[in-house]
Amino acid sequence: MDAPDLASDSMAIVINGTFDPIRITPHWLRQMDLIALEDYESQEIEVISRGVAIVKYGSIQLRVASDKLQVATDEIVDIEAARDLATGILLSKGAAAIASMGINRAVHFEAAIEKCHAIGDLLAPKKYWSDLVDLPGMADLTIKAVRKDGYGGNINVQVQPSVIVRPGVYVSINDHYNLTLSEAPTDRNVVADPEEADPQISSEKISVAVKILTEKFAASRNLSQSLINRVASLGDSTEGQ
């Protein structure tokens, strides 16, 4: 099916590791040529402290805590710029070491109430509940899948009723990387990689994150769009019941 009309579409790159909020300031970003002069001059500072720094550069919000860096935008035209800012911070030694990374997307789209129920019924069949409770409905569902690209990590898809458009649907995709190399499991009974539960922090993972942001970002976006389209299409058929 065609892609649904989105009422909201946001992207965030989240990197877990060791950061210094006081160091990654607007002045430092400009000095390292990671933001344009116009963005530097129009910056909106929410807070800069030893604990956290939150600054907006146009539609791009940069949030730095001692254990996490997040670069986010809700403007599709700035998605590549947000990716470049995250990559630039890593290349400019803005992190001492990192443990894991997520390329995340969240969307809301309007759907008729009948279609919302159809999506929920397909993803979470009600026949297992209806004899015990009245009018069961899906409030939250998360699907977890293994990676197939040679990297450790997983792909998590969450579906909920939208709180922005009513009636509507919310879909979020967490394209998660442990920043390790790993063969994809072929059996769901395979013991999970220890890095999944407790990713190890390392300076060597910085180059892996840069490689992923440089080479896999477009693929991540394409996958997220395919997953969104799949959820939106569920309300138009009975496939999967």
C-alpha atoms as a PDB file:
ATOM      1  CA  MET A   1       0.000   0.000   0.000  1.00  0.00           C
ATOM      2  CA  ASP A   2       0.985   3.643  -0.242  1.00  0.00           C
ATOM      3  CA  ALA A   3       2.662   5.204   2.777  1.00  0.00           C
ATOM      4  CA  PRO A   4       0.133   6.665   5.225  1.00  0.00           C
ATOM      5  CA  ASP A   5      -0.180  10.424   5.645  1.00  0.00           C
ATOM      6  CA  LEU A   6       1.730  11.143   8.828  1.00  0.00           C
ATOM      7  CA  ALA A   7       0.501  13.638  11.393  1.00  0.00           C
ATOM      8  CA  SER A   8       3.849  13.458  13.189  1.00  0.00           C
ATOM      9  CA  ASP A   9       7.224  12.015  12.192  1.00  0.00           C
ATOM     10  CA  SER A  10      10.296  12.241  14.408  1.00  0.00           C
ATOM     11  CA  MET A  11      13.748  10.681  14.307  1.00  0.00           C
ATOM     12  CA  ALA A  12      16.289  10.369  17.105  1.00  0.00           C
ATOM     13  CA  ILE A  13      19.801   8.985  17.238  1.00  0.00           C
ATOM     14  CA  VAL A  14      20.508   7.847  20.796  1.00  0.00           C
ATOM     15  CA  ILE A  15      24.032   6.877  21.829  1.00  0.00           C
ATOM     16  CA  ASN A  16      24.762   5.412  25.253  1.00  0.00           C
ATOM     17  CA  GLY A  17      28.248   6.014  26.585  1.00  0.00           C
ATOM     18  CA  THR A  18      30.401   8.526  28.417  1.00  0.00           C
ATOM     19  CA  PHE A  19      29.914  12.197  27.586  1.00  0.00           C
ATOM     20  CA  ASP A  20      30.712  15.590  29.103  1.00  0.00           C
ATOM     21  CA  PRO A  21      27.721  17.970  28.829  1.00  0.00           C
ATOM     22  CA  ILE A  22      29.917  20.954  29.670  1.00  0.00           C
ATOM     23  CA  ARG A  23      32.256  20.200  26.774  1.00  0.00           C
ATOM     24  CA  ILE A  24      29.714  19.705  23.983  1.00  0.00           C
ATOM     25  CA  THR A  25      28.565  23.322  24.030  1.00  0.00           C
ATOM     26  CA  PRO A  26      27.351  25.487  21.122  1.00  0.00           C
ATOM     27  CA  HIS A  27      30.754  27.199  21.136  1.00  0.00           C
ATOM     28  CA  TRP A  28      32.579  23.849  20.849  1.00  0.00           C
ATOM     29  CA  LEU A  29      30.234  22.629  18.101  1.00  0.00           C
ATOM     30  CA  ARG A  30      30.832  25.821  16.127  1.00  0.00           C
ATOM     31  CA  GLN A  31      34.582  25.633  16.749  1.00  0.00           C
ATOM     32  CA  MET A  32      34.598  22.079  15.390  1.00  0.00           C
ATOM     33  CA  ASP A  33      32.495  23.223  12.401  1.00  0.00           C
ATOM     34  CA  LEU A  34      29.666  20.861  13.361  1.00  0.00           C
ATOM     35  CA  ILE A  35      26.971  23.555  13.200  1.00  0.00           C
ATOM     36  CA  ALA A  36      26.572  26.446  10.775  1.00  0.00           C
ATOM     37  CA  LEU A  37      27.034  30.054  11.867  1.00  0.00           C
ATOM     38  CA  GLU A  38      23.315  30.755  11.434  1.00  0.00           C
ATOM     39  CA  ASP A  39      22.457  27.811  13.715  1.00  0.00           C
ATOM     40  CA  TYR A  40      24.973  29.010  16.285  1.00  0.00           C
ATOM     41  CA  GLU A  41      23.496  32.493  16.279  1.00  0.00           C
ATOM     42  CA  SER A  42      19.887  31.265  16.505  1.00  0.00           C
ATOM     43  CA  GLN A  43      20.487  28.536  19.103  1.00  0.00           C
ATOM     44  CA  GLU A  44      17.863  28.015  21.806  1.00  0.00           C
ATOM     45  CA  ILE A  45      19.446  26.949  25.081  1.00  0.00           C
ATOM     46  CA  GLU A  46      17.168  25.106  27.487  1.00  0.00           C
ATOM     47  CA  VAL A  47      19.879  24.187  29.952  1.00  0.00           C
ATOM     48  CA  ILE A  48      23.650  23.742  30.076  1.00  0.00           C
ATOM     49  CA  SER A  49      25.007  22.215  33.262  1.00  0.00           C
ATOM     50  CA  ARG A  50      27.394  19.511  34.416  1.00  0.00           C
ATOM     51  CA  GLY A  51      24.467  17.084  34.529  1.00  0.00           C
ATOM     52  CA  VAL A  52      22.769  17.785  31.217  1.00  0.00           C
ATOM     53  CA  ALA A  53      22.864  20.134  28.229  1.00  0.00           C
ATOM     54  CA  ILE A  54      19.805  20.650  26.005  1.00  0.00           C
ATOM     55  CA  VAL A  55      20.086  23.000  23.041  1.00  0.00           C
ATOM     56  CA  LYS A  56      18.006  23.424  19.879  1.00  0.00           C
ATOM     57  CA  TYR A  57      19.485  24.368  16.517  1.00  0.00           C
ATOM     58  CA  GLY A  58      16.478  24.996  14.300  1.00  0.00           C
ATOM     59  CA  SER A  59      14.458  21.760  14.342  1.00  0.00           C
ATOM     60  CA  ILE A  60      17.368  19.727  15.722  1.00  0.00           C
ATOM     61  CA  GLN A  61      17.478  19.147  19.455  1.00  0.00           C
ATOM     62  CA  LEU A  62      20.774  18.062  21.005  1.00  0.00           C
ATOM     63  CA  ARG A  63      20.568  16.528  24.470  1.00  0.00           C
ATOM     64  CA  VAL A  64      23.762  15.523  26.237  1.00  0.00           C
ATOM     65  CA  ALA A  65      23.888  13.755  29.604  1.00  0.00           C
ATOM     66  CA  SER A  66      26.852  12.089  31.253  1.00  0.00           C
ATOM     67  CA  ASP A  67      25.685   8.682  29.992  1.00  0.00           C
ATOM     68  CA  LYS A  68      23.737   9.503  26.837  1.00  0.00           C
ATOM     69  CA  LEU A  69      23.734  11.671  23.744  1.00  0.00           C
ATOM     70  CA  GLN A  70      20.568  12.210  21.715  1.00  0.00           C
ATOM     71  CA  VAL A  71      20.164  14.097  18.454  1.00  0.00           C
ATOM     72  CA  ALA A  72      16.539  14.413  17.372  1.00  0.00           C
ATOM     73  CA  THR A  73      14.397  16.204  14.807  1.00  0.00           C
ATOM     74  CA  ASP A  74      10.767  16.241  13.735  1.00  0.00           C
ATOM     75  CA  GLU A  75      11.499  17.809  10.347  1.00  0.00           C
ATOM     76  CA  ILE A  76      12.193  15.375   7.512  1.00  0.00           C
ATOM     77  CA  VAL A  77      14.391  17.924   5.697  1.00  0.00           C
ATOM     78  CA  ASP A  78      16.790  17.948   8.685  1.00  0.00           C
ATOM     79  CA  ILE A  79      17.152  14.195   9.161  1.00  0.00           C
ATOM     80  CA  GLU A  80      20.490  14.001   7.336  1.00  0.00           C
ATOM     81  CA  ALA A  81      21.758  17.062   9.214  1.00  0.00           C
ATOM     82  CA  ALA A  82      20.873  15.398  12.528  1.00  0.00           C
ATOM     83  CA  ARG A  83      22.713  12.254  11.454  1.00  0.00           C
ATOM     84  CA  ASP A  84      25.735  14.331  10.421  1.00  0.00           C
ATOM     85  CA  LEU A  85      25.769  16.144  13.773  1.00  0.00           C
ATOM     86  CA  ALA A  86      25.785  12.874  15.724  1.00  0.00           C
ATOM     87  CA  THR A  87      28.519  11.486  13.470  1.00  0.00           C
ATOM     88  CA  GLY A  88      30.562  14.664  13.760  1.00  0.00           C
ATOM     89  CA  ILE A  89      30.433  14.652  17.542  1.00  0.00           C
ATOM     90  CA  LEU A  90      31.764  11.085  17.591  1.00  0.00           C
ATOM     91  CA  LEU A  91      34.502  11.872  15.073  1.00  0.00           C
ATOM     92  CA  SER A  92      35.486  14.987  17.039  1.00  0.00           C
ATOM     93  CA  LYS A  93      36.100  12.984  20.215  1.00  0.00           C
ATOM     94  CA  GLY A  94      32.921  14.176  21.861  1.00  0.00           C
ATOM     95  CA  ALA A  95      32.621  10.771  23.534  1.00  0.00           C
ATOM     96  CA  ALA A  96      35.265   9.003  25.609  1.00  0.00           C
ATOM     97  CA  ALA A  97      33.651   5.614  24.994  1.00  0.00           C
ATOM     98  CA  ILE A  98      30.249   4.266  23.978  1.00  0.00           C
ATOM     99  CA  ALA A  99      28.219   1.106  24.545  1.00  0.00           C
ATOM    100  CA  SER A 100      25.225   1.036  22.194  1.00  0.00           C
ATOM    101  CA  MET A 101      23.247   3.103  19.712  1.00  0.00           C
ATOM    102  CA  GLY A 102      19.695   3.364  18.438  1.00  0.00           C
ATOM    103  CA  ILE A 103      18.412   4.899  15.230  1.00  0.00           C
ATOM    104  CA  ASN A 104      14.838   5.525  16.281  1.00  0.00           C
ATOM    105  CA  ARG A 105      11.714   6.717  14.505  1.00  0.00           C
ATOM    106  CA  ALA A 106       8.236   7.490  15.840  1.00  0.00           C
ATOM    107  CA  VAL A 107       5.152   8.370  13.792  1.00  0.00           C
ATOM    108  CA  HIS A 108       1.467   9.066  14.322  1.00  0.00           C
ATOM    109  CA  PHE A 109      -1.112   8.708  11.576  1.00  0.00           C
ATOM    110  CA  GLU A 110      -4.849   9.189  11.488  1.00  0.00           C
ATOM    111  CA  ALA A 111      -7.072   6.153  10.916  1.00  0.00           C
ATOM    112  CA  ALA A 112     -10.781   5.511  11.181  1.00  0.00           C
ATOM    113  CA  ILE A 113     -11.797   3.860  14.437  1.00  0.00           C
ATOM    114  CA  GLU A 114     -12.746   0.674  12.555  1.00  0.00           C
ATOM    115  CA  LYS A 115      -9.290   0.507  11.033  1.00  0.00           C
ATOM    116  CA  CYS A 116      -7.628   1.105  14.403  1.00  0.00           C
ATOM    117  CA  HIS A 117      -9.560  -1.830  15.841  1.00  0.00           C
ATOM    118  CA  ALA A 118      -8.691  -3.975  12.811  1.00  0.00           C
ATOM    119  CA  ILE A 119      -4.983  -3.270  13.278  1.00  0.00           C
ATOM    120  CA  GLY A 120      -5.218  -4.105  16.975  1.00  0.00           C
ATOM    121  CA  ASP A 121      -7.220  -7.272  16.333  1.00  0.00           C
ATOM    122  CA  LEU A 122      -4.696  -8.544  13.802  1.00  0.00           C
ATOM    123  CA  LEU A 123      -1.667  -7.818  15.968  1.00  0.00           C
ATOM    124  CA  ALA A 124      -3.292  -9.016  19.197  1.00  0.00           C
ATOM    125  CA  PRO A 125      -6.191 -11.433  18.489  1.00  0.00           C
ATOM    126  CA  LYS A 126      -8.997 -11.049  21.022  1.00  0.00           C
ATOM    127  CA  LYS A 127     -10.250 -14.644  20.962  1.00  0.00           C
ATOM    128  CA  TYR A 128      -7.882 -15.472  23.821  1.00  0.00           C
ATOM    129  CA  TRP A 129      -9.444 -12.838  26.083  1.00  0.00           C
ATOM    130  CA  SER A 130     -13.091 -12.353  25.170  1.00  0.00           C
ATOM    131  CA  ASP A 131     -14.433 -15.232  27.292  1.00  0.00           C
ATOM    132  CA  LEU A 132     -12.848 -13.734  30.415  1.00  0.00           C
ATOM    133  CA  VAL A 133     -13.044  -9.944  29.979  1.00  0.00           C
ATOM    134  CA  ASP A 134     -15.359  -7.557  28.145  1.00  0.00           C
ATOM    135  CA  LEU A 135     -14.349  -5.577  25.046  1.00  0.00           C
ATOM    136  CA  PRO A 136     -10.601  -6.320  25.142  1.00  0.00           C
ATOM    137  CA  GLY A 137      -8.491  -3.983  23.031  1.00  0.00           C
ATOM    138  CA  MET A 138      -4.823  -3.582  22.261  1.00  0.00           C
ATOM    139  CA  ALA A 139      -3.211  -0.778  24.248  1.00  0.00           C
ATOM    140  CA  ASP A 140       0.453  -1.530  23.598  1.00  0.00           C
ATOM    141  CA  LEU A 141       2.327  -4.155  21.594  1.00  0.00           C
ATOM    142  CA  THR A 142       6.057  -4.584  21.034  1.00  0.00           C
ATOM    143  CA  ILE A 143       7.667  -6.919  18.524  1.00  0.00           C
ATOM    144  CA  LYS A 144      11.361  -7.736  18.861  1.00  0.00           C
ATOM    145  CA  ALA A 145      13.449  -9.108  15.987  1.00  0.00           C
ATOM    146  CA  VAL A 146      17.105 -10.037  15.512  1.00  0.00           C
ATOM    147  CA  ARG A 147      19.422  -8.143  13.219  1.00  0.00           C
ATOM    148  CA  LYS A 148      20.420  -9.673   9.864  1.00  0.00           C
ATOM    149  CA  ASP A 149      23.155  -7.223   8.877  1.00  0.00           C
ATOM    150  CA  GLY A 150      26.100  -8.717  10.762  1.00  0.00           C
ATOM    151  CA  TYR A 151      25.819  -6.375  13.746  1.00  0.00           C
ATOM    152  CA  GLY A 152      24.757  -7.294  17.244  1.00  0.00           C
ATOM    153  CA  GLY A 153      21.498  -5.815  18.449  1.00  0.00           C
ATOM    154  CA  ASN A 154      17.815  -6.022  17.648  1.00  0.00           C
ATOM    155  CA  ILE A 155      14.899  -4.236  16.031  1.00  0.00           C
ATOM    156  CA  ASN A 156      11.945  -3.297  18.222  1.00  0.00           C
ATOM    157  CA  VAL A 157       8.585  -2.196  16.819  1.00  0.00           C
ATOM    158  CA  GLN A 158       5.971  -0.702  19.125  1.00  0.00           C
ATOM    159  CA  VAL A 159       2.335  -0.064  18.187  1.00  0.00           C
ATOM    160  CA  GLN A 160      -0.163   1.873  20.298  1.00  0.00           C
ATOM    161  CA  PRO A 161      -3.262   4.020  19.872  1.00  0.00           C
ATOM    162  CA  SER A 162      -2.113   7.556  19.038  1.00  0.00           C
ATOM    163  CA  VAL A 163      -2.408  10.301  21.646  1.00  0.00           C
ATOM    164  CA  ILE A 164      -1.836  12.986  19.003  1.00  0.00           C
ATOM    165  CA  VAL A 165      -4.533  12.099  16.460  1.00  0.00           C
ATOM    166  CA  ARG A 166      -7.763  10.453  17.603  1.00  0.00           C
ATOM    167  CA  PRO A 167      -8.591   8.024  16.241  1.00  0.00           C
ATOM    168  CA  GLY A 168      -5.132   7.149  15.044  1.00  0.00           C
ATOM    169  CA  VAL A 169      -2.122   4.881  15.388  1.00  0.00           C
ATOM    170  CA  TYR A 170       1.342   5.355  16.872  1.00  0.00           C
ATOM    171  CA  VAL A 171       4.287   3.309  15.577  1.00  0.00           C
ATOM    172  CA  SER A 172       7.830   3.520  16.881  1.00  0.00           C
ATOM    173  CA  ILE A 173      10.893   1.684  15.620  1.00  0.00           C
ATOM    174  CA  ASN A 174      14.017   1.241  17.725  1.00  0.00           C
ATOM    175  CA  ASP A 175      16.803   0.109  15.369  1.00  0.00           C
ATOM    176  CA  HIS A 176      19.204  -0.911  18.124  1.00  0.00           C
ATOM    177  CA  TYR A 177      22.902  -1.699  17.748  1.00  0.00           C
ATOM    178  CA  ASN A 178      25.204  -3.197  20.397  1.00  0.00           C
ATOM    179  CA  LEU A 179      28.051  -1.958  18.188  1.00  0.00           C
ATOM    180  CA  THR A 180      29.497  -5.443  17.933  1.00  0.00           C
ATOM    181  CA  LEU A 181      29.757  -7.890  15.050  1.00  0.00           C
ATOM    182  CA  SER A 182      27.458 -10.875  15.388  1.00  0.00           C
ATOM    183  CA  GLU A 183      25.883 -13.574  13.252  1.00  0.00           C
ATOM    184  CA  ALA A 184      22.093 -13.501  13.217  1.00  0.00           C
ATOM    185  CA  PRO A 185      20.497 -16.334  15.254  1.00  0.00           C
ATOM    186  CA  THR A 186      18.538 -18.819  13.170  1.00  0.00           C
ATOM    187  CA  ASP A 187      16.548 -20.200  16.107  1.00  0.00           C
ATOM    188  CA  ARG A 188      14.496 -18.316  18.692  1.00  0.00           C
ATOM    189  CA  ASN A 189      15.810 -20.679  21.376  1.00  0.00           C
ATOM    190  CA  VAL A 190      19.393 -19.509  20.929  1.00  0.00           C
ATOM    191  CA  VAL A 191      20.751 -17.907  24.098  1.00  0.00           C
ATOM    192  CA  ALA A 192      20.823 -14.132  23.744  1.00  0.00           C
ATOM    193  CA  ASP A 193      24.118 -12.331  23.237  1.00  0.00           C
ATOM    194  CA  PRO A 194      25.358 -11.065  26.655  1.00  0.00           C
ATOM    195  CA  GLU A 195      25.873  -7.654  25.037  1.00  0.00           C
ATOM    196  CA  GLU A 196      22.120  -7.399  24.596  1.00  0.00           C
ATOM    197  CA  ALA A 197      21.423  -7.234  28.316  1.00  0.00           C
ATOM    198  CA  ASP A 198      24.663  -5.539  29.325  1.00  0.00           C
ATOM    199  CA  PRO A 199      26.437  -3.805  26.434  1.00  0.00           C
ATOM    200  CA  GLN A 200      30.066  -3.157  27.252  1.00  0.00           C
ATOM    201  CA  ILE A 201      31.394   0.361  26.981  1.00  0.00           C
ATOM    202  CA  SER A 202      34.484   0.813  24.796  1.00  0.00           C
ATOM    203  CA  SER A 203      36.292   3.511  22.847  1.00  0.00           C
ATOM    204  CA  GLU A 204      36.637   1.002  19.985  1.00  0.00           C
ATOM    205  CA  LYS A 205      32.870   1.082  19.439  1.00  0.00           C
ATOM    206  CA  ILE A 206      33.019   4.722  18.330  1.00  0.00           C
ATOM    207  CA  SER A 207      34.357   3.798  14.881  1.00  0.00           C
ATOM    208  CA  VAL A 208      31.655   1.115  14.565  1.00  0.00           C
ATOM    209  CA  ALA A 209      28.928   3.668  15.326  1.00  0.00           C
ATOM    210  CA  VAL A 210      30.385   6.080  12.763  1.00  0.00           C
ATOM    211  CA  LYS A 211      30.466   3.317  10.144  1.00  0.00           C
ATOM    212  CA  ILE A 212      26.827   2.431  10.825  1.00  0.00           C
ATOM    213  CA  LEU A 213      25.671   6.057  10.682  1.00  0.00           C
ATOM    214  CA  THR A 214      27.584   6.532   7.443  1.00  0.00           C
ATOM    215  CA  GLU A 215      26.687   3.285   5.660  1.00  0.00           C
ATOM    216  CA  LYS A 216      23.462   1.973   7.251  1.00  0.00           C
ATOM    217  CA  PHE A 217      21.419   5.088   7.962  1.00  0.00           C
ATOM    218  CA  ALA A 218      19.466   5.024   4.698  1.00  0.00           C
ATOM    219  CA  ALA A 219      18.737   1.306   5.125  1.00  0.00           C
ATOM    220  CA  SER A 220      17.460   1.970   8.639  1.00  0.00           C
ATOM    221  CA  ARG A 221      15.123   4.656   7.316  1.00  0.00           C
ATOM    222  CA  ASN A 222      13.874   2.357   4.568  1.00  0.00           C
ATOM    223  CA  LEU A 223      13.207  -0.436   7.049  1.00  0.00           C
ATOM    224  CA  SER A 224      11.298   1.875   9.368  1.00  0.00           C
ATOM    225  CA  GLN A 225       9.139   3.044   6.467  1.00  0.00           C
ATOM    226  CA  SER A 226       8.409  -0.532   5.424  1.00  0.00           C
ATOM    227  CA  LEU A 227       7.375  -1.397   8.975  1.00  0.00           C
ATOM    228  CA  ILE A 228       5.120   1.653   9.213  1.00  0.00           C
ATOM    229  CA  ASN A 229       3.532   0.779   5.878  1.00  0.00           C
ATOM    230  CA  ARG A 230       2.986  -2.794   7.034  1.00  0.00           C
ATOM    231  CA  VAL A 231       1.170  -1.694  10.197  1.00  0.00           C
ATOM    232  CA  ALA A 232      -0.943   0.798   8.253  1.00  0.00           C
ATOM    233  CA  SER A 233      -1.899  -1.867   5.712  1.00  0.00           C
ATOM    234  CA  LEU A 234      -3.172  -4.287   8.351  1.00  0.00           C
ATOM    235  CA  GLY A 235      -6.419  -2.436   8.676  1.00  0.00           C
ATOM    236  CA  ASP A 236      -7.164  -2.937   4.975  1.00  0.00           C
ATOM    237  CA  SER A 237      -7.106  -6.751   4.938  1.00  0.00           C
ATOM    238  CA  THR A 238      -7.719  -9.770   7.097  1.00  0.00           C
ATOM    239  CA  GLU A 239      -4.326 -11.273   6.405  1.00  0.00           C
ATOM    240  CA  GLY A 240      -2.775 -12.743   9.514  1.00  0.00           C
ATOM    241  CA  GLN A 241      -6.027 -13.573  11.359  1.00  0.00           C
END
